[in-house]
Amino acid sequence: MKKFCSKCGSQLDLGKKACTVCHAFNPFFIAGYASSAPDETVAKVEKQEESVITKEAEIENNGLLAEQLEREKNDLSLKNELLRVKEETEQYKKETLDLVKGVKKELEDIDKENKLLKERVEQLNSNRHVEVAEVTSVTSSPVKQKSASSGKIIAIAAAVTAILIAGFSYFLINGSNKTTEPQTNLQPVTSVAAVKAAPTPKTETRITAADTTHPQKLLAAITPPAEKPKPVAPAPTPAPAINKPAAIPFSLNATRVIGDLVGKKLSGCDITINSASEIDHVDNLVLVEKLSAFYLKYKCTVKIKQGTDTYTASPYMYYSAEGTFIKVDGTNCE
């Protein structure tokens, strides 16, 4: 007959003093009793113990698996973070190289513009020197002609004066001879006073005795016809020094700025303005400085919308004095 423990309900072994499960006292203990039937309780306990051990092993294995999965997950996250940092480093390096190339190109453009400006200034200076030399030569030529004519006139006046003195001396001598020795049937004087006062055809002038009594006739006879002076061209007034007026800045407005910005790249925002509709408005347009007599530098504030992005740029825009667009510096953009 089977007996059960009143405490845990397990089957009691009549040959043992206590319950094999809860170790409570077995009131049905019989000394020397040997059970012929297999001990089902012991087998059940052993089975339960094996089940508990198996479950603990499974729990332990699950814990190890979870730890391994967590470790693998952390390793994967770390690898992804390293890859992201590497990509960002490569991108930053590329942007830095592009920025350096852009700055280098702008410096080369500025150098070329400076050389071109220097060549223009040298050309203007050389042209000015040539024009001044031409004006000087034109001014000095009439002066030289006038000096030559004045020298010729002075020479002619000196010759006429010498002739007058000689004639007057001759008149005094002949007048004194006439008072002491009266003569009749006077013959014409054969002396010829051929005076060459200027390059004129050779003429022979005879002076008669009647002429000697009249100083005016004598003077008219010995004085060659005066050469009409050649008209002297009036000296041209010296041309005023050629000073080109300083270029007056042209009138720049927002509409012109928008048109000149279309198709240009703003390196500060790394964007290109494709059409005028992308420019919302232009403010604060001012002339910053005059780089020279030929170049002007303006600054303005431009608001740009491309899709859902909005940019605010403060570019520097370069124009010639005549209003020709040269370039745009769009590094200041955010």
C-alpha atoms as a PDB file:
ATOM      1  CA  MET A   1       0.000   0.000   0.000  1.00  0.00           C
ATOM      2  CA  LYS A   2       1.398   3.397  -0.964  1.00  0.00           C
ATOM      3  CA  LYS A   3       1.840   6.111   1.633  1.00  0.00           C
ATOM      4  CA  PHE A   4       2.258   9.816   0.889  1.00  0.00           C
ATOM      5  CA  CYS A   5       3.910  12.605   2.817  1.00  0.00           C
ATOM      6  CA  SER A   6       1.450  14.916   4.514  1.00  0.00           C
ATOM      7  CA  LYS A   7       3.736  17.884   3.959  1.00  0.00           C
ATOM      8  CA  CYS A   8       4.890  17.708   0.332  1.00  0.00           C
ATOM      9  CA  GLY A   9       2.632  14.930  -0.989  1.00  0.00           C
ATOM     10  CA  SER A  10       5.527  12.815  -2.238  1.00  0.00           C
ATOM     11  CA  GLN A  11       5.369   9.023  -1.969  1.00  0.00           C
ATOM     12  CA  LEU A  12       7.001   7.777   1.219  1.00  0.00           C
ATOM     13  CA  ASP A  13       9.502   4.986   1.433  1.00  0.00           C
ATOM     14  CA  LEU A  14       8.422   2.775   4.315  1.00  0.00           C
ATOM     15  CA  GLY A  15      11.978   1.675   4.875  1.00  0.00           C
ATOM     16  CA  LYS A  16      13.193   5.267   5.529  1.00  0.00           C
ATOM     17  CA  LYS A  17      12.546   7.445   8.537  1.00  0.00           C
ATOM     18  CA  ALA A  18      12.097  10.681   6.601  1.00  0.00           C
ATOM     19  CA  CYS A  19      10.623  11.846   3.375  1.00  0.00           C
ATOM     20  CA  THR A  20      13.201  11.726   0.641  1.00  0.00           C
ATOM     21  CA  VAL A  21      11.926  15.070  -0.775  1.00  0.00           C
ATOM     22  CA  CYS A  22      11.175  17.402   2.134  1.00  0.00           C
ATOM     23  CA  HIS A  23      12.889  15.306   4.815  1.00  0.00           C
ATOM     24  CA  ALA A  24       9.812  15.439   7.008  1.00  0.00           C
ATOM     25  CA  PHE A  25       9.316  12.628   9.555  1.00  0.00           C
ATOM     26  CA  ASN A  26       7.853   9.449   8.060  1.00  0.00           C
ATOM     27  CA  PRO A  27       5.186   8.124  10.481  1.00  0.00           C
ATOM     28  CA  PHE A  28       4.830   4.978   8.441  1.00  0.00           C
ATOM     29  CA  PHE A  29       8.469   3.918   8.943  1.00  0.00           C
ATOM     30  CA  ILE A  30       8.925   0.112   9.282  1.00  0.00           C
ATOM     31  CA  ALA A  31      12.364  -1.094  10.307  1.00  0.00           C
ATOM     32  CA  GLY A  32      13.733  -3.734   7.962  1.00  0.00           C
ATOM     33  CA  TYR A  33      11.173  -2.976   5.265  1.00  0.00           C
ATOM     34  CA  ALA A  34      12.537  -3.449   1.774  1.00  0.00           C
ATOM     35  CA  SER A  35      10.512  -2.106  -1.091  1.00  0.00           C
ATOM     36  CA  SER A  36      10.410  -4.385  -4.071  1.00  0.00           C
ATOM     37  CA  ALA A  37       9.037  -1.659  -6.352  1.00  0.00           C
ATOM     38  CA  PRO A  38      11.450   0.893  -7.932  1.00  0.00           C
ATOM     39  CA  ASP A  39      11.850   4.175  -6.117  1.00  0.00           C
ATOM     40  CA  GLU A  40       9.745   6.434  -8.321  1.00  0.00           C
ATOM     41  CA  THR A  41      10.233   9.440  -6.057  1.00  0.00           C
ATOM     42  CA  VAL A  42      14.003   9.308  -6.358  1.00  0.00           C
ATOM     43  CA  ALA A  43      13.740   9.000 -10.106  1.00  0.00           C
ATOM     44  CA  LYS A  44      11.357  11.915 -10.216  1.00  0.00           C
ATOM     45  CA  VAL A  45      13.680  14.061  -8.072  1.00  0.00           C
ATOM     46  CA  GLU A  46      16.649  13.163 -10.212  1.00  0.00           C
ATOM     47  CA  LYS A  47      14.666  14.030 -13.300  1.00  0.00           C
ATOM     48  CA  GLN A  48      13.686  17.363 -11.803  1.00  0.00           C
ATOM     49  CA  GLU A  49      17.297  18.038 -10.879  1.00  0.00           C
ATOM     50  CA  GLU A  50      18.390  17.233 -14.399  1.00  0.00           C
ATOM     51  CA  SER A  51      15.671  19.491 -15.748  1.00  0.00           C
ATOM     52  CA  VAL A  52      16.822  22.338 -13.456  1.00  0.00           C
ATOM     53  CA  ILE A  53      20.445  21.804 -14.472  1.00  0.00           C
ATOM     54  CA  THR A  54      19.435  21.787 -18.124  1.00  0.00           C
ATOM     55  CA  LYS A  55      17.448  24.986 -17.694  1.00  0.00           C
ATOM     56  CA  GLU A  56      20.314  26.670 -15.840  1.00  0.00           C
ATOM     57  CA  ALA A  57      22.691  25.609 -18.615  1.00  0.00           C
ATOM     58  CA  GLU A  58      20.279  27.001 -21.198  1.00  0.00           C
ATOM     59  CA  ILE A  59      19.974  30.261 -19.242  1.00  0.00           C
ATOM     60  CA  GLU A  60      23.745  30.497 -18.959  1.00  0.00           C
ATOM     61  CA  ASN A  61      24.135  29.771 -22.660  1.00  0.00           C
ATOM     62  CA  ASN A  62      21.500  32.373 -23.462  1.00  0.00           C
ATOM     63  CA  GLY A  63      23.346  34.898 -21.292  1.00  0.00           C
ATOM     64  CA  LEU A  64      26.618  34.146 -23.034  1.00  0.00           C
ATOM     65  CA  LEU A  65      24.899  34.396 -26.408  1.00  0.00           C
ATOM     66  CA  ALA A  66      23.333  37.709 -25.425  1.00  0.00           C
ATOM     67  CA  GLU A  67      26.710  39.006 -24.269  1.00  0.00           C
ATOM     68  CA  GLN A  68      28.290  37.849 -27.517  1.00  0.00           C
ATOM     69  CA  LEU A  69      25.532  39.522 -29.542  1.00  0.00           C
ATOM     70  CA  GLU A  70      25.926  42.729 -27.558  1.00  0.00           C
ATOM     71  CA  ARG A  71      29.676  42.647 -28.087  1.00  0.00           C
ATOM     72  CA  GLU A  72      29.252  42.076 -31.811  1.00  0.00           C
ATOM     73  CA  LYS A  73      26.717  44.891 -31.944  1.00  0.00           C
ATOM     74  CA  ASN A  74      29.148  47.264 -30.176  1.00  0.00           C
ATOM     75  CA  ASP A  75      31.953  46.234 -32.515  1.00  0.00           C
ATOM     76  CA  LEU A  76      29.755  46.883 -35.552  1.00  0.00           C
ATOM     77  CA  SER A  77      28.718  50.275 -34.172  1.00  0.00           C
ATOM     78  CA  LEU A  78      32.368  51.178 -33.561  1.00  0.00           C
ATOM     79  CA  LYS A  79      33.313  50.135 -37.101  1.00  0.00           C
ATOM     80  CA  ASN A  80      30.493  52.257 -38.522  1.00  0.00           C
ATOM     81  CA  GLU A  81      31.622  55.235 -36.447  1.00  0.00           C
ATOM     82  CA  LEU A  82      35.201  54.813 -37.675  1.00  0.00           C
ATOM     83  CA  LEU A  83      34.004  54.641 -41.278  1.00  0.00           C
ATOM     84  CA  ARG A  84      31.908  57.797 -40.793  1.00  0.00           C
ATOM     85  CA  VAL A  85      34.839  59.676 -39.265  1.00  0.00           C
ATOM     86  CA  LYS A  86      37.062  58.535 -42.127  1.00  0.00           C
ATOM     87  CA  GLU A  87      34.530  59.725 -44.732  1.00  0.00           C
ATOM     88  CA  GLU A  88      34.163  63.091 -42.978  1.00  0.00           C
ATOM     89  CA  THR A  89      37.961  63.436 -42.887  1.00  0.00           C
ATOM     90  CA  GLU A  90      38.190  62.704 -46.619  1.00  0.00           C
ATOM     91  CA  GLN A  91      35.395  65.194 -47.341  1.00  0.00           C
ATOM     92  CA  TYR A  92      37.074  67.880 -45.221  1.00  0.00           C
ATOM     93  CA  LYS A  93      40.380  67.210 -46.960  1.00  0.00           C
ATOM     94  CA  LYS A  94      38.717  67.522 -50.360  1.00  0.00           C
ATOM     95  CA  GLU A  95      36.987  70.785 -49.392  1.00  0.00           C
ATOM     96  CA  THR A  96      40.277  72.158 -48.059  1.00  0.00           C
ATOM     97  CA  LEU A  97      42.060  71.314 -51.317  1.00  0.00           C
ATOM     98  CA  ASP A  98      39.252  72.909 -53.341  1.00  0.00           C
ATOM     99  CA  LEU A  99      39.454  76.029 -51.169  1.00  0.00           C
ATOM    100  CA  VAL A 100      43.224  76.221 -51.607  1.00  0.00           C
ATOM    101  CA  LYS A 101      42.859  75.807 -55.380  1.00  0.00           C
ATOM    102  CA  GLY A 102      40.180  78.521 -55.476  1.00  0.00           C
ATOM    103  CA  VAL A 103      42.334  80.948 -53.488  1.00  0.00           C
ATOM    104  CA  LYS A 104      45.339  80.164 -55.688  1.00  0.00           C
ATOM    105  CA  LYS A 105      43.292  80.758 -58.829  1.00  0.00           C
ATOM    106  CA  GLU A 106      41.966  84.070 -57.481  1.00  0.00           C
ATOM    107  CA  LEU A 107      45.516  85.165 -56.651  1.00  0.00           C
ATOM    108  CA  GLU A 108      46.620  84.281 -60.184  1.00  0.00           C
ATOM    109  CA  ASP A 109      43.687  86.251 -61.625  1.00  0.00           C
ATOM    110  CA  ILE A 110      44.567  89.252 -59.461  1.00  0.00           C
ATOM    111  CA  ASP A 111      48.195  88.991 -60.591  1.00  0.00           C
ATOM    112  CA  LYS A 112      47.109  88.930 -64.235  1.00  0.00           C
ATOM    113  CA  GLU A 113      44.845  91.943 -63.679  1.00  0.00           C
ATOM    114  CA  ASN A 114      47.684  93.838 -62.019  1.00  0.00           C
ATOM    115  CA  LYS A 115      50.001  93.069 -64.942  1.00  0.00           C
ATOM    116  CA  LEU A 116      47.334  94.151 -67.425  1.00  0.00           C
ATOM    117  CA  LEU A 117      46.743  97.345 -65.453  1.00  0.00           C
ATOM    118  CA  LYS A 118      50.490  98.039 -65.367  1.00  0.00           C
ATOM    119  CA  GLU A 119      50.742  97.538 -69.140  1.00  0.00           C
ATOM    120  CA  ARG A 120      47.817  99.926 -69.711  1.00  0.00           C
ATOM    121  CA  VAL A 121      49.391 102.574 -67.486  1.00  0.00           C
ATOM    122  CA  GLU A 122      52.737 102.237 -69.312  1.00  0.00           C
ATOM    123  CA  GLN A 123      50.968 102.457 -72.662  1.00  0.00           C
ATOM    124  CA  LEU A 124      49.084 105.587 -71.582  1.00  0.00           C
ATOM    125  CA  ASN A 125      52.322 107.156 -70.331  1.00  0.00           C
ATOM    126  CA  SER A 126      54.141 106.370 -73.592  1.00  0.00           C
ATOM    127  CA  ASN A 127      51.240 107.788 -75.634  1.00  0.00           C
ATOM    128  CA  ARG A 128      51.279 110.922 -73.515  1.00  0.00           C
ATOM    129  CA  HIS A 129      55.035 111.376 -74.023  1.00  0.00           C
ATOM    130  CA  VAL A 130      54.615 110.964 -77.803  1.00  0.00           C
ATOM    131  CA  GLU A 131      51.805 113.537 -77.900  1.00  0.00           C
ATOM    132  CA  VAL A 132      53.837 116.027 -75.829  1.00  0.00           C
ATOM    133  CA  ALA A 133      56.836 115.551 -78.151  1.00  0.00           C
ATOM    134  CA  GLU A 134      54.647 116.167 -81.223  1.00  0.00           C
ATOM    135  CA  VAL A 135      53.181 119.319 -79.672  1.00  0.00           C
ATOM    136  CA  THR A 136      56.689 120.558 -78.804  1.00  0.00           C
ATOM    137  CA  SER A 137      57.988 119.921 -82.322  1.00  0.00           C
ATOM    138  CA  VAL A 138      54.982 121.661 -83.895  1.00  0.00           C
ATOM    139  CA  THR A 139      55.438 124.640 -81.561  1.00  0.00           C
ATOM    140  CA  SER A 140      59.199 124.967 -82.133  1.00  0.00           C
ATOM    141  CA  SER A 141      59.051 124.759 -85.959  1.00  0.00           C
ATOM    142  CA  PRO A 142      57.302 128.150 -86.483  1.00  0.00           C
ATOM    143  CA  VAL A 143      59.668 129.715 -83.936  1.00  0.00           C
ATOM    144  CA  LYS A 144      62.667 128.494 -85.930  1.00  0.00           C
ATOM    145  CA  GLN A 145      61.156 129.818 -89.172  1.00  0.00           C
ATOM    146  CA  LYS A 146      60.451 133.125 -87.502  1.00  0.00           C
ATOM    147  CA  SER A 147      64.025 133.319 -86.184  1.00  0.00           C
ATOM    148  CA  ALA A 148      65.449 132.627 -89.663  1.00  0.00           C
ATOM    149  CA  SER A 149      63.209 135.293 -91.214  1.00  0.00           C
ATOM    150  CA  SER A 150      64.210 137.785 -88.502  1.00  0.00           C
ATOM    151  CA  GLY A 151      67.915 137.109 -89.213  1.00  0.00           C
ATOM    152  CA  LYS A 152      67.392 137.676 -92.913  1.00  0.00           C
ATOM    153  CA  ILE A 153      65.554 140.960 -92.284  1.00  0.00           C
ATOM    154  CA  ILE A 154      68.328 142.167 -89.978  1.00  0.00           C
ATOM    155  CA  ALA A 155      70.963 141.381 -92.637  1.00  0.00           C
ATOM    156  CA  ILE A 156      68.990 143.296 -95.254  1.00  0.00           C
ATOM    157  CA  ALA A 157      68.602 146.300 -92.925  1.00  0.00           C
ATOM    158  CA  ALA A 158      72.367 146.315 -92.238  1.00  0.00           C
ATOM    159  CA  ALA A 159      73.128 146.261 -95.971  1.00  0.00           C
ATOM    160  CA  VAL A 160      70.696 149.133 -96.666  1.00  0.00           C
ATOM    161  CA  THR A 161      72.263 151.185 -93.863  1.00  0.00           C
ATOM    162  CA  ALA A 162      75.757 150.675 -95.311  1.00  0.00           C
ATOM    163  CA  ILE A 163      74.529 151.740 -98.762  1.00  0.00           C
ATOM    164  CA  LEU A 164      72.923 154.880 -97.372  1.00  0.00           C
ATOM    165  CA  ILE A 165      76.163 155.877 -95.647  1.00  0.00           C
ATOM    166  CA  ALA A 166      78.170 155.345 -98.862  1.00  0.00           C
ATOM    167  CA  GLY A 167      75.689 157.386-100.911  1.00  0.00           C
ATOM    168  CA  PHE A 168      75.712 160.242 -98.463  1.00  0.00           C
ATOM    169  CA  SER A 169      79.545 160.363 -98.513  1.00  0.00           C
ATOM    170  CA  TYR A 170      79.515 160.382-102.302  1.00  0.00           C
ATOM    171  CA  PHE A 171      77.034 163.269-102.300  1.00  0.00           C
ATOM    172  CA  LEU A 172      79.232 165.379-100.016  1.00  0.00           C
ATOM    173  CA  ILE A 173      82.328 164.883-102.236  1.00  0.00           C
ATOM    174  CA  ASN A 174      80.541 165.709-105.526  1.00  0.00           C
ATOM    175  CA  GLY A 175      78.791 168.732-103.990  1.00  0.00           C
ATOM    176  CA  SER A 176      82.110 170.322-102.904  1.00  0.00           C
ATOM    177  CA  ASN A 177      83.671 169.806-106.385  1.00  0.00           C
ATOM    178  CA  LYS A 178      80.653 171.461-108.047  1.00  0.00           C
ATOM    179  CA  THR A 179      81.029 174.695-106.042  1.00  0.00           C
ATOM    180  CA  THR A 180      84.726 175.166-106.922  1.00  0.00           C
ATOM    181  CA  GLU A 181      84.702 174.071-110.564  1.00  0.00           C
ATOM    182  CA  PRO A 182      81.579 175.001-112.539  1.00  0.00           C
ATOM    183  CA  GLN A 183      81.003 172.528-115.350  1.00  0.00           C
ATOM    184  CA  THR A 184      78.866 172.659-118.447  1.00  0.00           C
ATOM    185  CA  ASN A 185      77.585 169.934-120.638  1.00  0.00           C
ATOM    186  CA  LEU A 186      77.860 167.452-117.821  1.00  0.00           C
ATOM    187  CA  GLN A 187      78.188 163.876-118.881  1.00  0.00           C
ATOM    188  CA  PRO A 188      76.405 161.120-117.043  1.00  0.00           C
ATOM    189  CA  VAL A 189      78.395 159.514-114.333  1.00  0.00           C
ATOM    190  CA  THR A 190      79.537 156.086-115.355  1.00  0.00           C
ATOM    191  CA  SER A 191      79.771 154.621-111.855  1.00  0.00           C
ATOM    192  CA  VAL A 192      77.270 151.920-111.298  1.00  0.00           C
ATOM    193  CA  ALA A 193      75.823 151.274-107.925  1.00  0.00           C
ATOM    194  CA  ALA A 194      74.537 147.783-108.220  1.00  0.00           C
ATOM    195  CA  VAL A 195      73.486 146.729-104.848  1.00  0.00           C
ATOM    196  CA  LYS A 196      72.434 143.236-104.087  1.00  0.00           C
ATOM    197  CA  ALA A 197      70.228 143.450-101.056  1.00  0.00           C
ATOM    198  CA  ALA A 198      68.514 140.127-101.515  1.00  0.00           C
ATOM    199  CA  PRO A 199      68.467 137.291-104.029  1.00  0.00           C
ATOM    200  CA  THR A 200      66.905 139.436-106.865  1.00  0.00           C
ATOM    201  CA  PRO A 201      67.673 139.671-110.588  1.00  0.00           C
ATOM    202  CA  LYS A 202      70.830 141.728-111.318  1.00  0.00           C
ATOM    203  CA  THR A 203      69.998 145.280-112.403  1.00  0.00           C
ATOM    204  CA  GLU A 204      72.329 148.172-113.292  1.00  0.00           C
ATOM    205  CA  THR A 205      71.424 151.632-111.994  1.00  0.00           C
ATOM    206  CA  ARG A 206      73.107 154.722-113.463  1.00  0.00           C
ATOM    207  CA  ILE A 207      73.415 157.887-111.429  1.00  0.00           C
ATOM    208  CA  THR A 208      73.471 161.174-113.359  1.00  0.00           C
ATOM    209  CA  ALA A 209      74.875 164.490-112.241  1.00  0.00           C
ATOM    210  CA  ALA A 210      71.358 165.773-111.773  1.00  0.00           C
ATOM    211  CA  ASP A 211      70.737 162.992-109.396  1.00  0.00           C
ATOM    212  CA  THR A 212      73.663 164.040-107.212  1.00  0.00           C
ATOM    213  CA  THR A 213      72.000 167.356-106.478  1.00  0.00           C
ATOM    214  CA  HIS A 214      68.930 165.641-105.188  1.00  0.00           C
ATOM    215  CA  PRO A 215      69.620 163.335-102.265  1.00  0.00           C
ATOM    216  CA  GLN A 216      66.208 161.760-102.545  1.00  0.00           C
ATOM    217  CA  LYS A 217      66.810 160.702-106.161  1.00  0.00           C
ATOM    218  CA  LEU A 218      70.279 159.455-105.252  1.00  0.00           C
ATOM    219  CA  LEU A 219      68.901 157.422-102.404  1.00  0.00           C
ATOM    220  CA  ALA A 220      66.176 156.048-104.656  1.00  0.00           C
ATOM    221  CA  ALA A 221      68.767 155.179-107.298  1.00  0.00           C
ATOM    222  CA  ILE A 222      71.127 153.311-104.984  1.00  0.00           C
ATOM    223  CA  THR A 223      68.484 151.659-102.822  1.00  0.00           C
ATOM    224  CA  PRO A 224      67.399 148.278-104.222  1.00  0.00           C
ATOM    225  CA  PRO A 225      63.755 147.434-104.178  1.00  0.00           C
ATOM    226  CA  ALA A 226      62.875 145.959-100.867  1.00  0.00           C
ATOM    227  CA  GLU A 227      61.921 142.309-100.914  1.00  0.00           C
ATOM    228  CA  LYS A 228      58.479 141.701 -99.621  1.00  0.00           C
ATOM    229  CA  PRO A 229      58.755 139.631 -96.515  1.00  0.00           C
ATOM    230  CA  LYS A 230      57.230 136.215 -96.804  1.00  0.00           C
ATOM    231  CA  PRO A 231      54.129 135.769 -94.750  1.00  0.00           C
ATOM    232  CA  VAL A 232      54.941 134.005 -91.569  1.00  0.00           C
ATOM    233  CA  ALA A 233      52.444 131.489 -90.391  1.00  0.00           C
ATOM    234  CA  PRO A 234      51.171 132.428 -86.983  1.00  0.00           C
ATOM    235  CA  ALA A 235      52.620 130.258 -84.272  1.00  0.00           C
ATOM    236  CA  PRO A 236      50.023 127.713 -83.266  1.00  0.00           C
ATOM    237  CA  THR A 237      48.959 127.874 -79.703  1.00  0.00           C
ATOM    238  CA  PRO A 238      50.477 125.011 -77.739  1.00  0.00           C
ATOM    239  CA  ALA A 239      48.095 122.158 -77.369  1.00  0.00           C
ATOM    240  CA  PRO A 240      47.003 121.749 -73.791  1.00  0.00           C
ATOM    241  CA  ALA A 241      48.410 118.826 -71.913  1.00  0.00           C
ATOM    242  CA  ILE A 242      46.315 115.766 -72.517  1.00  0.00           C
ATOM    243  CA  ASN A 243      44.870 114.725 -69.226  1.00  0.00           C
ATOM    244  CA  LYS A 244      42.095 112.263 -69.533  1.00  0.00           C
ATOM    245  CA  PRO A 245      39.376 113.012 -67.029  1.00  0.00           C
ATOM    246  CA  ALA A 246      38.997 110.554 -64.230  1.00  0.00           C
ATOM    247  CA  ALA A 247      36.442 107.897 -64.915  1.00  0.00           C
ATOM    248  CA  ILE A 248      33.117 108.677 -63.274  1.00  0.00           C
ATOM    249  CA  PRO A 249      31.588 105.574 -61.621  1.00  0.00           C
ATOM    250  CA  PHE A 250      28.595 104.336 -63.536  1.00  0.00           C
ATOM    251  CA  SER A 251      25.236 103.837 -61.861  1.00  0.00           C
ATOM    252  CA  LEU A 252      24.924 100.260 -60.559  1.00  0.00           C
ATOM    253  CA  ASN A 253      21.527  98.996 -59.405  1.00  0.00           C
ATOM    254  CA  ALA A 254      20.004  95.776 -58.041  1.00  0.00           C
ATOM    255  CA  THR A 255      18.650  94.699 -61.458  1.00  0.00           C
ATOM    256  CA  ARG A 256      22.137  94.878 -62.972  1.00  0.00           C
ATOM    257  CA  VAL A 257      23.599  92.959 -60.014  1.00  0.00           C
ATOM    258  CA  ILE A 258      21.007  90.159 -60.374  1.00  0.00           C
ATOM    259  CA  GLY A 259      21.752  89.846 -64.089  1.00  0.00           C
ATOM    260  CA  ASP A 260      25.511  89.680 -63.473  1.00  0.00           C
ATOM    261  CA  LEU A 261      25.147  87.043 -60.705  1.00  0.00           C
ATOM    262  CA  VAL A 262      23.182  84.567 -62.858  1.00  0.00           C
ATOM    263  CA  GLY A 263      25.450  81.664 -63.791  1.00  0.00           C
ATOM    264  CA  LYS A 264      28.096  82.610 -61.197  1.00  0.00           C
ATOM    265  CA  LYS A 265      29.349  80.314 -58.416  1.00  0.00           C
ATOM    266  CA  LEU A 266      29.532  81.482 -54.803  1.00  0.00           C
ATOM    267  CA  SER A 267      32.382  79.469 -53.319  1.00  0.00           C
ATOM    268  CA  GLY A 268      31.461  80.350 -49.723  1.00  0.00           C
ATOM    269  CA  CYS A 269      28.140  78.432 -50.018  1.00  0.00           C
ATOM    270  CA  ASP A 270      29.321  76.085 -52.798  1.00  0.00           C
ATOM    271  CA  ILE A 271      26.283  76.949 -54.936  1.00  0.00           C
ATOM    272  CA  THR A 272      25.712  78.232 -58.468  1.00  0.00           C
ATOM    273  CA  ILE A 273      22.941  80.740 -59.218  1.00  0.00           C
ATOM    274  CA  ASN A 274      21.067  79.196 -62.158  1.00  0.00           C
ATOM    275  CA  SER A 275      18.418  81.851 -62.778  1.00  0.00           C
ATOM    276  CA  ALA A 276      17.297  85.294 -61.607  1.00  0.00           C
ATOM    277  CA  SER A 277      14.230  83.753 -59.914  1.00  0.00           C
ATOM    278  CA  GLU A 278      16.516  82.172 -57.280  1.00  0.00           C
ATOM    279  CA  ILE A 279      17.563  85.644 -56.047  1.00  0.00           C
ATOM    280  CA  ASP A 280      14.981  86.928 -53.576  1.00  0.00           C
ATOM    281  CA  HIS A 281      16.342  90.466 -53.206  1.00  0.00           C
ATOM    282  CA  VAL A 282      19.514  92.598 -53.203  1.00  0.00           C
ATOM    283  CA  ASP A 283      20.239  95.090 -50.395  1.00  0.00           C
ATOM    284  CA  ASN A 284      23.021  97.385 -49.147  1.00  0.00           C
ATOM    285  CA  LEU A 285      24.627  97.998 -52.561  1.00  0.00           C
ATOM    286  CA  VAL A 286      27.625 100.299 -51.965  1.00  0.00           C
ATOM    287  CA  LEU A 287      30.852 101.304 -53.714  1.00  0.00           C
ATOM    288  CA  VAL A 288      33.628 100.020 -51.445  1.00  0.00           C
ATOM    289  CA  GLU A 289      36.661 101.528 -53.185  1.00  0.00           C
ATOM    290  CA  LYS A 290      38.249 102.550 -56.482  1.00  0.00           C
ATOM    291  CA  LEU A 291      41.143 100.150 -57.034  1.00  0.00           C
ATOM    292  CA  SER A 292      42.538 102.444 -59.749  1.00  0.00           C
ATOM    293  CA  ALA A 293      41.352 104.765 -62.496  1.00  0.00           C
ATOM    294  CA  PHE A 294      39.910 101.730 -64.299  1.00  0.00           C
ATOM    295  CA  TYR A 295      38.500  99.340 -61.641  1.00  0.00           C
ATOM    296  CA  LEU A 296      35.656  99.692 -59.106  1.00  0.00           C
ATOM    297  CA  LYS A 297      34.787  97.390 -56.180  1.00  0.00           C
ATOM    298  CA  TYR A 298      31.177  97.072 -54.978  1.00  0.00           C
ATOM    299  CA  LYS A 299      29.613  95.125 -52.091  1.00  0.00           C
ATOM    300  CA  CYS A 300      26.003  94.074 -51.515  1.00  0.00           C
ATOM    301  CA  THR A 301      23.815  91.639 -49.566  1.00  0.00           C
ATOM    302  CA  VAL A 302      22.025  88.968 -51.631  1.00  0.00           C
ATOM    303  CA  LYS A 303      19.354  86.546 -50.366  1.00  0.00           C
ATOM    304  CA  ILE A 304      19.139  83.336 -52.416  1.00  0.00           C
ATOM    305  CA  LYS A 305      16.527  80.561 -52.302  1.00  0.00           C
ATOM    306  CA  GLN A 306      17.188  77.156 -53.881  1.00  0.00           C
ATOM    307  CA  GLY A 307      14.488  74.622 -53.094  1.00  0.00           C
ATOM    308  CA  THR A 308      14.078  74.487 -49.319  1.00  0.00           C
ATOM    309  CA  ASP A 309      17.503  76.058 -48.647  1.00  0.00           C
ATOM    310  CA  THR A 310      18.062  79.787 -48.064  1.00  0.00           C
ATOM    311  CA  TYR A 311      21.463  81.457 -48.331  1.00  0.00           C
ATOM    312  CA  THR A 312      22.650  84.972 -47.447  1.00  0.00           C
ATOM    313  CA  ALA A 313      25.752  86.149 -49.314  1.00  0.00           C
ATOM    314  CA  SER A 314      27.765  89.372 -49.181  1.00  0.00           C
ATOM    315  CA  PRO A 315      29.809  89.157 -52.395  1.00  0.00           C
ATOM    316  CA  TYR A 316      32.354  91.661 -53.695  1.00  0.00           C
ATOM    317  CA  MET A 317      31.693  92.566 -57.360  1.00  0.00           C
ATOM    318  CA  TYR A 318      34.342  94.101 -59.608  1.00  0.00           C
ATOM    319  CA  TYR A 319      33.518  96.397 -62.569  1.00  0.00           C
ATOM    320  CA  SER A 320      35.513  98.540 -64.958  1.00  0.00           C
ATOM    321  CA  ALA A 321      35.038 102.301 -64.966  1.00  0.00           C
ATOM    322  CA  GLU A 322      32.908 101.939 -68.108  1.00  0.00           C
ATOM    323  CA  GLY A 323      30.555  99.479 -66.348  1.00  0.00           C
ATOM    324  CA  THR A 324      31.897  96.180 -67.711  1.00  0.00           C
ATOM    325  CA  PHE A 325      31.505  93.259 -65.262  1.00  0.00           C
ATOM    326  CA  ILE A 326      34.863  91.652 -64.404  1.00  0.00           C
ATOM    327  CA  LYS A 327      34.385  89.074 -61.631  1.00  0.00           C
ATOM    328  CA  VAL A 328      32.614  88.223 -58.356  1.00  0.00           C
ATOM    329  CA  ASP A 329      34.183  87.186 -55.027  1.00  0.00           C
ATOM    330  CA  GLY A 330      31.573  84.983 -53.276  1.00  0.00           C
ATOM    331  CA  THR A 331      33.622  83.572 -50.392  1.00  0.00           C
ATOM    332  CA  ASN A 332      31.498  85.421 -47.815  1.00  0.00           C
ATOM    333  CA  CYS A 333      28.324  83.302 -47.830  1.00  0.00           C
ATOM    334  CA  GLU A 334      26.336  81.324 -45.301  1.00  0.00           C
END
